[in-house]
Amino acid sequence: MRGTNSDKITLAHGGGGAKTERLIREVFQNYLKDPVLSEMDDGALVEDGLVLSTDSFVVNPLFFPGGDIGRLAVSGTINDIAVMGARPLYLTLGFILEEGLSLDVLERVVKSISATAEEAGVRIVAGDTKVVERGKGDGIYINSSGLGRLEISPPPRRERIKPGDLVIINGPVGLHGMAILLSRGELGLEAEIKSDVAPLWGLIKEVLSPEIKFMRDPTRGGLAAVLNETVEGMEFGVRLWEENIPLTEEVEGICEVLGFDPLQLPNEGKVLVFVERERAEEVLEKMRTHPLGRASAIIGEATEEYPGKAVLKTRAGTHRIIEPPMGELLPRIC
């Protein structure tokens, strides 16, 4: 019924989990019916091998261990294009600035944007700036859109995944979400944890081949959200092996204290790669030669045992369903 709390947007709608999925399907896709949009990929494969993506960034705080909103805005859009199997080429940026923002802060963010774009080899070719009243914008919000060109055929798609394919990740999970949480200083916890935020095209281009079935960067909602999106409605499932999932002692320890599931923690420098079993070791070794992939590991497999489900084989040998996040574990993380 209209007017109830259930008909209002909550922070959970931005968490990348079940409520985000429902919002997209029941509101946006109910009116925006383009077949490319309905694919629900990180980027849109439009025409002539072009891939288009857009994202908005409202992270709090603006600066955090390992990165800042500028590096995040560039990396996030580059990664959404790269996991589609496309070389990122051009970015546009839209800035919403709050009245009273220090010009020194803005300059630091723009300097970081420039450095990250140069690192990734992309050009920033258009932009826009708006200013809102004091108290209405929380410093800086950034929208970033990107254009890339497909580098591989056939492109990575979840429909290409087959039982027996293996799942690789390029390093420890949960670093970005935990770095943001600790940088807010709200829980009185301290640890040396830096965000993993980074542009991933340099790593991804090293392993692109027809044997790569599917890729996705597990940002909001972490591995749990991405894996559930991947298997939804499919005739295969995914089984992860808990003992193989890279996790730092610091992240694991804080998760135990706070009761967090590390599989639901956001990442901003990780890519999940589904690859043919016979080529998995080769792809793994290539990933390990890149600075962003030195801790890469094979963490699971596609299986016909659990169609449409993501499961975790625990260290104890039992199996549990990996549920998508229902609420907003960490608001304002990207």
Protein backbone atom coordinates (compact mmCIF):
# COMPACT_ATOMS: atom_id res chain seq x y z
CA MET A 1 0.00 0.00 0.00
CA ARG A 2 1.34 3.41 -0.96
CA GLY A 3 2.56 5.58 1.87
CA THR A 4 3.93 2.77 4.00
CA ASN A 5 7.61 2.35 4.84
CA SER A 6 7.76 -0.61 2.46
CA ASP A 7 7.15 1.82 -0.42
CA LYS A 8 10.12 4.03 0.43
CA ILE A 9 13.75 3.81 -0.60
CA THR A 10 16.08 2.62 2.15
CA LEU A 11 19.85 2.28 2.34
CA ALA A 12 19.37 -1.44 1.72
CA HIS A 13 18.21 -0.67 -1.82
CA GLY A 14 21.75 0.47 -2.59
CA GLY A 15 23.53 -2.51 -1.08
CA GLY A 16 23.84 -4.67 -4.18
CA GLY A 17 21.77 -7.50 -2.69
CA ALA A 18 18.23 -8.79 -2.89
CA LYS A 19 16.56 -5.39 -2.41
CA THR A 20 18.70 -3.80 -5.12
CA GLU A 21 17.75 -6.62 -7.48
CA ARG A 22 14.06 -6.20 -6.68
CA LEU A 23 14.22 -2.43 -7.15
CA ILE A 24 15.83 -2.82 -10.57
CA ARG A 25 13.36 -5.41 -11.79
CA GLU A 26 10.15 -3.95 -10.34
CA VAL A 27 10.77 -0.27 -11.05
CA PHE A 28 13.49 0.40 -13.61
CA GLN A 29 13.00 -2.61 -15.88
CA ASN A 30 9.24 -2.22 -15.64
CA TYR A 31 9.53 0.97 -17.69
CA LEU A 32 12.99 0.79 -19.30
CA LYS A 33 12.62 -2.26 -21.50
CA ASP A 34 15.63 -2.13 -23.81
CA PRO A 35 16.87 -5.70 -24.46
CA VAL A 36 20.50 -4.72 -23.81
CA LEU A 37 19.57 -3.23 -20.44
CA SER A 38 17.67 -6.39 -19.55
CA GLU A 39 20.91 -8.39 -19.77
CA MET A 40 21.88 -6.86 -16.39
CA ASP A 41 25.60 -6.95 -17.20
CA ASP A 42 28.20 -4.60 -15.72
CA GLY A 43 28.42 -2.95 -19.12
CA ALA A 44 26.24 -2.79 -22.23
CA LEU A 45 27.52 -4.38 -25.44
CA VAL A 46 25.85 -2.03 -27.89
CA GLU A 47 27.11 -2.09 -31.49
CA ASP A 48 30.33 -2.46 -33.48
CA GLY A 49 31.97 -4.11 -30.47
CA LEU A 50 31.46 -1.08 -28.22
CA VAL A 51 30.84 -1.50 -24.48
CA LEU A 52 29.23 1.30 -22.47
CA SER A 53 28.99 1.56 -18.68
CA THR A 54 28.08 4.12 -16.03
CA ASP A 55 28.34 4.32 -12.26
CA SER A 56 27.97 6.86 -9.44
CA PHE A 57 30.17 7.19 -6.37
CA VAL A 58 29.12 8.54 -2.97
CA VAL A 59 31.76 6.96 -0.74
CA ASN A 60 32.18 8.23 2.81
CA PRO A 61 34.85 9.29 3.75
CA LEU A 62 36.24 10.84 0.57
CA PHE A 63 39.77 9.70 1.46
CA PHE A 64 40.51 6.29 2.99
CA PRO A 65 43.49 3.95 3.37
CA GLY A 66 44.51 2.84 -0.11
CA GLY A 67 42.42 5.28 -2.11
CA ASP A 68 39.88 8.07 -2.44
CA ILE A 69 36.68 8.87 -4.29
CA GLY A 70 38.60 9.93 -7.40
CA ARG A 71 40.55 6.70 -7.78
CA LEU A 72 37.38 4.80 -7.01
CA ALA A 73 35.33 6.57 -9.69
CA VAL A 74 37.89 5.88 -12.42
CA SER A 75 38.66 2.30 -11.35
CA GLY A 76 35.05 1.30 -10.85
CA THR A 77 33.95 2.21 -14.36
CA ILE A 78 37.11 0.83 -15.98
CA ASN A 79 36.56 -2.49 -14.21
CA ASP A 80 32.92 -2.73 -15.30
CA ILE A 81 34.07 -2.37 -18.91
CA ALA A 82 37.07 -4.70 -18.52
CA VAL A 83 35.06 -7.63 -17.14
CA MET A 84 32.99 -7.50 -20.32
CA GLY A 85 36.16 -8.37 -22.22
CA ALA A 86 36.60 -4.82 -23.53
CA ARG A 87 39.52 -2.41 -23.50
CA PRO A 88 38.50 0.79 -21.65
CA LEU A 89 39.13 3.81 -23.86
CA TYR A 90 37.22 6.91 -22.78
CA LEU A 91 35.63 8.24 -19.59
CA THR A 92 33.28 11.10 -18.79
CA LEU A 93 32.92 12.54 -15.30
CA GLY A 94 30.07 14.42 -13.64
CA PHE A 95 30.78 16.20 -10.34
CA ILE A 96 28.16 17.26 -7.81
CA LEU A 97 29.95 19.57 -5.36
CA GLU A 98 28.62 20.87 -2.07
CA GLU A 99 28.83 24.56 -1.28
CA GLY A 100 31.70 25.11 1.14
CA LEU A 101 33.89 22.27 -0.15
CA SER A 102 37.58 23.13 0.15
CA LEU A 103 39.27 23.72 -3.20
CA ASP A 104 42.28 21.86 -1.80
CA VAL A 105 40.11 18.75 -1.31
CA LEU A 106 38.71 19.03 -4.82
CA GLU A 107 42.19 19.43 -6.26
CA ARG A 108 43.41 16.31 -4.43
CA VAL A 109 40.51 14.31 -5.87
CA VAL A 110 41.06 15.57 -9.42
CA LYS A 111 44.80 14.89 -9.15
CA SER A 112 44.01 11.32 -8.10
CA ILE A 113 41.60 10.95 -11.02
CA SER A 114 44.30 12.07 -13.44
CA ALA A 115 46.89 9.66 -12.00
CA THR A 116 44.51 6.68 -12.06
CA ALA A 117 43.41 7.38 -15.65
CA GLU A 118 47.05 7.59 -16.72
CA GLU A 119 47.80 4.34 -14.89
CA ALA A 120 44.97 2.61 -16.75
CA GLY A 121 45.66 4.18 -20.14
CA VAL A 122 42.23 5.78 -20.55
CA ARG A 123 41.31 9.30 -21.64
CA ILE A 124 38.86 11.58 -19.83
CA VAL A 125 37.14 13.39 -22.67
CA ALA A 126 34.02 15.10 -21.24
CA GLY A 127 32.68 16.31 -17.92
CA ASP A 128 30.14 18.37 -16.04
CA THR A 129 30.02 20.20 -12.70
CA LYS A 130 27.05 21.16 -10.54
CA VAL A 131 27.03 22.81 -7.10
CA VAL A 132 24.34 22.22 -4.47
CA GLU A 133 23.57 24.11 -1.28
CA ARG A 134 25.56 23.53 1.88
CA GLY A 135 24.34 20.41 3.65
CA LYS A 136 22.83 18.88 0.49
CA GLY A 137 25.77 17.09 -1.09
CA ASP A 138 28.16 15.67 1.52
CA GLY A 139 31.25 17.11 -0.15
CA ILE A 140 31.53 15.40 -3.53
CA TYR A 141 29.50 12.91 -5.54
CA ILE A 142 30.90 11.68 -8.86
CA ASN A 143 29.26 10.00 -11.82
CA SER A 144 31.60 8.22 -14.20
CA SER A 145 30.66 6.79 -17.60
CA GLY A 146 32.98 4.84 -19.84
CA LEU A 147 33.31 3.51 -23.37
CA GLY A 148 35.43 0.53 -24.40
CA ARG A 149 35.98 -1.77 -27.35
CA LEU A 150 35.51 -5.54 -27.22
CA GLU A 151 38.83 -7.40 -27.39
CA ILE A 152 37.69 -11.03 -27.43
CA SER A 153 35.17 -13.16 -29.29
CA PRO A 154 32.98 -14.69 -28.08
CA PRO A 155 32.64 -12.17 -25.23
CA PRO A 156 32.48 -13.43 -21.64
CA ARG A 157 28.85 -14.22 -20.75
CA ARG A 158 27.36 -16.30 -17.95
CA GLU A 159 25.50 -18.39 -20.53
CA ARG A 160 28.87 -19.79 -21.59
CA ILE A 161 29.60 -21.29 -18.14
CA LYS A 162 29.48 -25.10 -18.03
CA PRO A 163 29.68 -27.55 -15.12
CA GLY A 164 33.33 -28.28 -14.43
CA ASP A 165 34.56 -24.74 -15.16
CA LEU A 166 36.73 -23.35 -12.36
CA VAL A 167 36.50 -20.01 -10.56
CA ILE A 168 39.58 -17.86 -9.94
CA ILE A 169 39.91 -14.67 -7.89
CA ASN A 170 42.96 -12.41 -7.96
CA GLY A 171 43.50 -11.96 -4.22
CA PRO A 172 42.10 -11.46 -0.71
CA VAL A 173 38.45 -10.47 -0.40
CA GLY A 174 36.81 -7.78 1.73
CA LEU A 175 39.67 -5.27 1.82
CA HIS A 176 37.74 -2.29 0.47
CA GLY A 177 34.69 -2.73 2.67
CA MET A 178 36.77 -3.22 5.78
CA ALA A 179 39.06 -0.26 5.00
CA ILE A 180 36.02 2.00 4.66
CA LEU A 181 34.48 0.68 7.87
CA LEU A 182 37.63 1.23 9.91
CA SER A 183 38.33 4.65 8.42
CA ARG A 184 35.01 5.91 9.83
CA GLY A 185 36.24 5.23 13.36
CA GLU A 186 32.77 4.35 14.63
CA LEU A 187 33.54 0.96 16.18
CA GLY A 188 36.77 1.67 18.04
CA LEU A 189 38.63 -1.00 16.05
CA GLU A 190 42.07 -0.55 14.52
CA ALA A 191 43.92 -2.58 11.92
CA GLU A 192 46.33 -2.00 9.04
CA ILE A 193 43.90 -2.64 6.19
CA LYS A 194 44.04 -0.79 2.87
CA SER A 195 41.38 -0.75 0.18
CA ASP A 196 42.18 -2.83 -2.88
CA VAL A 197 40.75 -0.17 -5.23
CA ALA A 198 42.57 -0.39 -8.58
CA PRO A 199 41.91 -0.41 -12.33
CA LEU A 200 41.99 -4.06 -13.43
CA TRP A 201 42.35 -3.84 -17.21
CA GLY A 202 46.12 -4.39 -17.06
CA LEU A 203 45.55 -7.72 -15.30
CA ILE A 204 42.52 -8.80 -17.29
CA LYS A 205 44.08 -8.22 -20.71
CA GLU A 206 46.86 -10.66 -19.82
CA VAL A 207 44.43 -13.58 -19.55
CA LEU A 208 41.76 -12.75 -22.15
CA SER A 209 41.16 -15.79 -24.34
CA PRO A 210 38.18 -17.79 -25.64
CA GLU A 211 38.60 -20.13 -22.65
CA ILE A 212 37.50 -17.31 -20.31
CA LYS A 213 33.78 -17.95 -19.96
CA PHE A 214 32.67 -15.12 -17.67
CA MET A 215 34.07 -12.33 -15.48
CA ARG A 216 32.60 -10.06 -12.87
CA ASP A 217 34.04 -7.67 -10.26
CA PRO A 218 32.48 -8.37 -6.84
CA THR A 219 31.85 -4.84 -5.55
CA ARG A 220 28.64 -4.10 -3.57
CA GLY A 221 27.44 -7.28 -1.92
CA GLY A 222 30.79 -9.00 -2.47
CA LEU A 223 31.18 -12.56 -3.70
CA ALA A 224 27.76 -13.50 -2.32
CA ALA A 225 25.89 -11.00 -4.50
CA VAL A 226 27.86 -11.68 -7.67
CA LEU A 227 27.62 -15.45 -7.44
CA ASN A 228 23.87 -15.36 -6.84
CA GLU A 229 23.41 -13.05 -9.83
CA THR A 230 25.55 -15.40 -11.92
CA VAL A 231 23.59 -18.59 -11.19
CA GLU A 232 20.08 -17.12 -11.06
CA GLY A 233 17.84 -19.04 -13.46
CA MET A 234 20.71 -21.15 -14.80
CA GLU A 235 21.03 -24.92 -15.05
CA PHE A 236 24.31 -24.89 -13.14
CA GLY A 237 25.33 -23.78 -9.67
CA VAL A 238 28.61 -22.66 -8.12
CA ARG A 239 30.43 -24.32 -5.24
CA LEU A 240 33.18 -22.41 -3.43
CA TRP A 241 35.81 -24.10 -1.28
CA GLU A 242 36.15 -22.08 1.92
CA GLU A 243 39.73 -23.17 2.56
CA ASN A 244 40.82 -21.79 -0.83
CA ILE A 245 39.30 -18.29 -0.51
CA PRO A 246 42.08 -15.70 0.09
CA LEU A 247 41.43 -13.75 3.29
CA THR A 248 43.84 -11.67 5.35
CA GLU A 249 44.15 -12.34 9.06
CA GLU A 250 43.02 -8.79 9.82
CA VAL A 251 39.81 -9.02 7.78
CA GLU A 252 39.04 -12.50 9.07
CA GLY A 253 39.58 -11.42 12.68
CA ILE A 254 37.34 -8.36 12.45
CA CYS A 255 34.64 -10.39 10.70
CA GLU A 256 34.69 -12.84 13.59
CA VAL A 257 34.39 -10.00 16.13
CA LEU A 258 31.54 -8.23 14.30
CA GLY A 259 29.78 -11.29 12.95
CA PHE A 260 30.26 -10.27 9.31
CA ASP A 261 30.31 -12.75 6.45
CA PRO A 262 33.48 -11.95 4.43
CA LEU A 263 31.72 -13.20 1.30
CA GLN A 264 29.37 -10.21 1.55
CA LEU A 265 32.10 -7.59 1.98
CA PRO A 266 32.64 -5.18 -0.93
CA ASN A 267 35.76 -5.24 -3.09
CA GLU A 268 37.04 -2.67 -5.60
CA GLY A 269 40.10 -4.41 -7.03
CA LYS A 270 38.97 -7.99 -7.46
CA VAL A 271 37.76 -9.98 -10.45
CA LEU A 272 36.09 -13.38 -10.53
CA VAL A 273 37.11 -15.38 -13.59
CA PHE A 274 35.26 -18.49 -14.80
CA VAL A 275 37.56 -20.55 -17.02
CA GLU A 276 37.68 -23.98 -18.61
CA ARG A 277 39.09 -26.48 -16.11
CA GLU A 278 41.84 -27.57 -18.51
CA ARG A 279 43.15 -24.00 -18.82
CA ALA A 280 42.67 -22.88 -15.22
CA GLU A 281 46.25 -23.48 -14.04
CA GLU A 282 47.63 -21.61 -17.05
CA VAL A 283 45.34 -18.64 -16.41
CA LEU A 284 46.19 -18.73 -12.69
CA GLU A 285 49.92 -18.55 -13.37
CA LYS A 286 49.46 -15.62 -15.77
CA MET A 287 47.44 -13.77 -13.17
CA ARG A 288 50.10 -14.35 -10.54
CA THR A 289 52.72 -12.63 -12.67
CA HIS A 290 50.80 -9.35 -12.50
CA PRO A 291 51.12 -7.07 -9.41
CA LEU A 292 47.33 -7.13 -8.91
CA GLY A 293 47.17 -10.91 -9.15
CA ARG A 294 50.04 -12.27 -7.08
CA ALA A 295 47.68 -13.82 -4.53
CA SER A 296 45.32 -15.29 -7.13
CA ALA A 297 43.67 -18.59 -6.23
CA ILE A 298 41.24 -21.14 -7.63
CA ILE A 299 38.33 -20.92 -5.20
CA GLY A 300 35.51 -22.97 -6.67
CA GLU A 301 33.78 -24.62 -9.59
CA ALA A 302 30.60 -24.57 -11.61
CA THR A 303 28.55 -27.66 -10.82
CA GLU A 304 25.34 -29.34 -11.97
CA GLU A 305 24.62 -30.47 -8.40
CA TYR A 306 23.07 -27.17 -7.28
CA PRO A 307 21.36 -25.56 -10.28
CA GLY A 308 20.62 -21.90 -9.65
CA LYS A 309 22.38 -21.94 -6.27
CA ALA A 310 25.70 -20.76 -4.86
CA VAL A 311 27.04 -22.97 -2.07
CA LEU A 312 30.09 -22.99 0.18
CA LYS A 313 31.94 -26.16 1.11
CA THR A 314 33.18 -25.27 4.59
CA ARG A 315 36.47 -26.26 6.16
CA ALA A 316 34.51 -28.84 8.15
CA GLY A 317 33.33 -30.48 4.93
CA THR A 318 29.70 -29.39 5.21
CA HIS A 319 27.82 -27.34 2.63
CA ARG A 320 25.78 -24.17 3.16
CA ILE A 321 23.86 -21.94 0.79
CA ILE A 322 25.55 -18.61 0.09
CA GLU A 323 22.71 -16.16 0.55
CA PRO A 324 22.71 -12.76 -1.19
CA PRO A 325 22.84 -9.77 1.17
CA MET A 326 19.33 -8.82 2.26
CA GLY A 327 20.19 -5.41 3.66
CA GLU A 328 22.96 -2.81 3.51
CA LEU A 329 25.94 -4.24 5.37
CA LEU A 330 28.09 -1.17 4.75
CA PRO A 331 26.35 1.91 3.30
CA ARG A 332 28.30 4.47 1.27
CA ILE A 333 31.22 2.17 0.42
CA CYS A 334 31.45 3.19 -3.24
